[in-house]
Amino acid sequence: MKMRENRPTIEDSLSTTLEVENREHLVRLIVERLGRTGAAVTESMIHISHYGFDDRIDWDEHIIVVDGHGVFGFTNEACPRVEIKGDSNKQSAQQIFGDEVSRAYGVVDGNLSRRV
């Protein structure tokens, strides 16, 4: 799967695109990147949920939100957590941040709108 970090423009964001093997690889990458800023990140702080289709880049996007950091980036496919019995940490980005995510990224009816 592909992962790109969140940046101010789509061009800047796409310049960070990497191939990741699986969720474990993605988690290691996020922990490493945010660790450089002094942030202590654990797997349970990382939430990935379906975000919508971005027709600018032809990705069915999944948003990556990190507790205490906000939006880290996006993947082009689902990256499910291996469920642990009794795991109650299953909130989507929309549940965590409400309409803030939709307003910030121009989501209309589950799809990203083009910004001019």
Protein backbone atom coordinates (compact mmCIF):
# COMPACT_ATOMS: atom_id res chain seq x y z
CA MET A 1 0.00 0.00 0.00
CA LYS A 2 1.04 3.61 -0.43
CA MET A 3 1.23 6.18 2.35
CA ARG A 4 1.71 9.91 2.07
CA GLU A 5 2.22 12.41 4.85
CA ASN A 6 -0.12 15.35 5.33
CA ARG A 7 1.33 18.56 3.87
CA PRO A 8 -0.12 22.00 2.93
CA THR A 9 -0.41 21.11 -0.77
CA ILE A 10 -1.17 17.87 -2.58
CA GLU A 11 2.13 18.20 -4.46
CA ASP A 12 4.11 18.46 -1.21
CA SER A 13 2.14 15.59 0.28
CA LEU A 14 2.74 13.34 -2.75
CA SER A 15 6.49 14.01 -2.52
CA THR A 16 6.44 12.04 0.77
CA THR A 17 4.75 8.95 -0.74
CA LEU A 18 6.24 5.64 0.37
CA GLU A 19 5.34 1.98 -0.06
CA VAL A 20 4.54 0.32 3.26
CA GLU A 21 4.24 -3.43 3.69
CA ASN A 22 1.55 -3.59 6.37
CA ARG A 23 0.19 -1.86 9.47
CA GLU A 24 3.22 -2.81 11.57
CA HIS A 25 5.54 -1.19 9.02
CA LEU A 26 3.32 1.91 8.94
CA VAL A 27 3.28 2.16 12.75
CA ARG A 28 7.09 1.89 12.90
CA LEU A 29 7.39 4.64 10.31
CA ILE A 30 5.00 6.97 12.18
CA VAL A 31 6.69 6.32 15.54
CA GLU A 32 10.08 7.06 13.95
CA ARG A 33 8.97 10.23 12.14
CA LEU A 34 7.10 11.74 15.08
CA GLY A 35 9.81 10.57 17.48
CA ARG A 36 12.22 12.96 15.72
CA THR A 37 10.02 15.81 16.98
CA GLY A 38 10.17 14.50 20.54
CA ALA A 39 6.69 12.97 20.47
CA ALA A 40 6.23 9.62 22.19
CA VAL A 41 3.81 7.62 20.02
CA THR A 42 2.39 4.16 20.64
CA GLU A 43 0.38 1.91 18.31
CA SER A 44 -2.80 2.54 20.28
CA MET A 45 -2.49 6.29 19.53
CA ILE A 46 -2.70 5.68 15.76
CA HIS A 47 -6.18 5.58 14.21
CA ILE A 48 -6.79 4.75 10.54
CA SER A 49 -10.24 5.03 9.03
CA HIS A 50 -11.84 5.33 5.61
CA TYR A 51 -11.85 8.93 4.42
CA GLY A 52 -13.18 9.02 0.86
CA PHE A 53 -12.10 8.98 -2.75
CA ASP A 54 -9.63 11.66 -3.83
CA ASP A 55 -10.08 12.03 -7.57
CA ARG A 56 -7.03 14.33 -7.78
CA ILE A 57 -4.76 11.31 -7.28
CA ASP A 58 -7.13 8.36 -7.83
CA TRP A 59 -6.84 7.06 -4.25
CA ASP A 60 -9.59 5.61 -2.09
CA GLU A 61 -8.08 7.26 0.97
CA HIS A 62 -7.80 6.20 4.57
CA ILE A 63 -6.86 8.96 7.01
CA ILE A 64 -4.16 8.43 9.64
CA VAL A 65 -4.79 10.37 12.84
CA VAL A 66 -2.40 10.29 15.80
CA ASP A 67 -3.61 11.24 19.27
CA GLY A 68 -1.92 14.48 20.36
CA HIS A 69 -0.67 15.18 16.83
CA GLY A 70 -3.70 15.25 14.53
CA VAL A 71 -3.66 14.15 10.90
CA PHE A 72 -0.38 12.41 10.05
CA GLY A 73 -1.27 11.38 6.51
CA PHE A 74 -3.21 9.05 4.24
CA THR A 75 -2.99 5.54 2.79
CA ASN A 76 -4.45 4.36 -0.52
CA GLU A 77 -6.06 1.26 1.02
CA ALA A 78 -7.33 -0.09 4.32
CA CYS A 79 -4.76 -0.83 6.97
CA PRO A 80 -6.66 -2.69 9.68
CA ARG A 81 -5.45 -3.19 13.20
CA VAL A 82 -5.13 -6.76 14.34
CA GLU A 83 -8.02 -6.87 16.78
CA ILE A 84 -7.31 -7.91 20.33
CA LYS A 85 -10.22 -9.43 22.22
CA GLY A 86 -11.86 -6.70 24.28
CA ASP A 87 -10.19 -3.89 22.29
CA SER A 88 -12.48 -0.89 22.68
CA ASN A 89 -10.17 1.55 20.90
CA LYS A 90 -12.07 1.53 17.57
CA GLN A 91 -12.92 5.17 16.86
CA SER A 92 -12.79 6.68 13.41
CA ALA A 93 -11.20 10.05 12.72
CA GLN A 94 -14.71 11.47 12.31
CA GLN A 95 -15.66 10.22 15.79
CA ILE A 96 -12.48 11.62 17.32
CA PHE A 97 -12.41 15.02 15.63
CA GLY A 98 -16.04 15.46 14.52
CA ASP A 99 -16.73 17.87 11.70
CA GLU A 100 -13.31 19.50 12.11
CA VAL A 101 -11.71 16.93 9.79
CA SER A 102 -14.40 17.34 7.13
CA ARG A 103 -14.20 21.13 7.18
CA ALA A 104 -10.40 21.20 7.14
CA TYR A 105 -10.09 18.86 4.17
CA GLY A 106 -13.15 19.80 2.15
CA VAL A 107 -15.01 16.49 2.41
CA VAL A 108 -18.39 16.58 0.68
CA ASP A 109 -20.54 13.42 0.67
CA GLY A 110 -17.54 11.23 1.51
CA ASN A 111 -15.33 12.63 -1.29
CA LEU A 112 -12.64 15.27 -1.23
CA SER A 113 -13.56 18.42 -3.10
CA ARG A 114 -11.06 20.08 -5.35
CA ARG A 115 -9.56 23.23 -3.92
CA VAL A 116 -8.82 26.02 -6.31
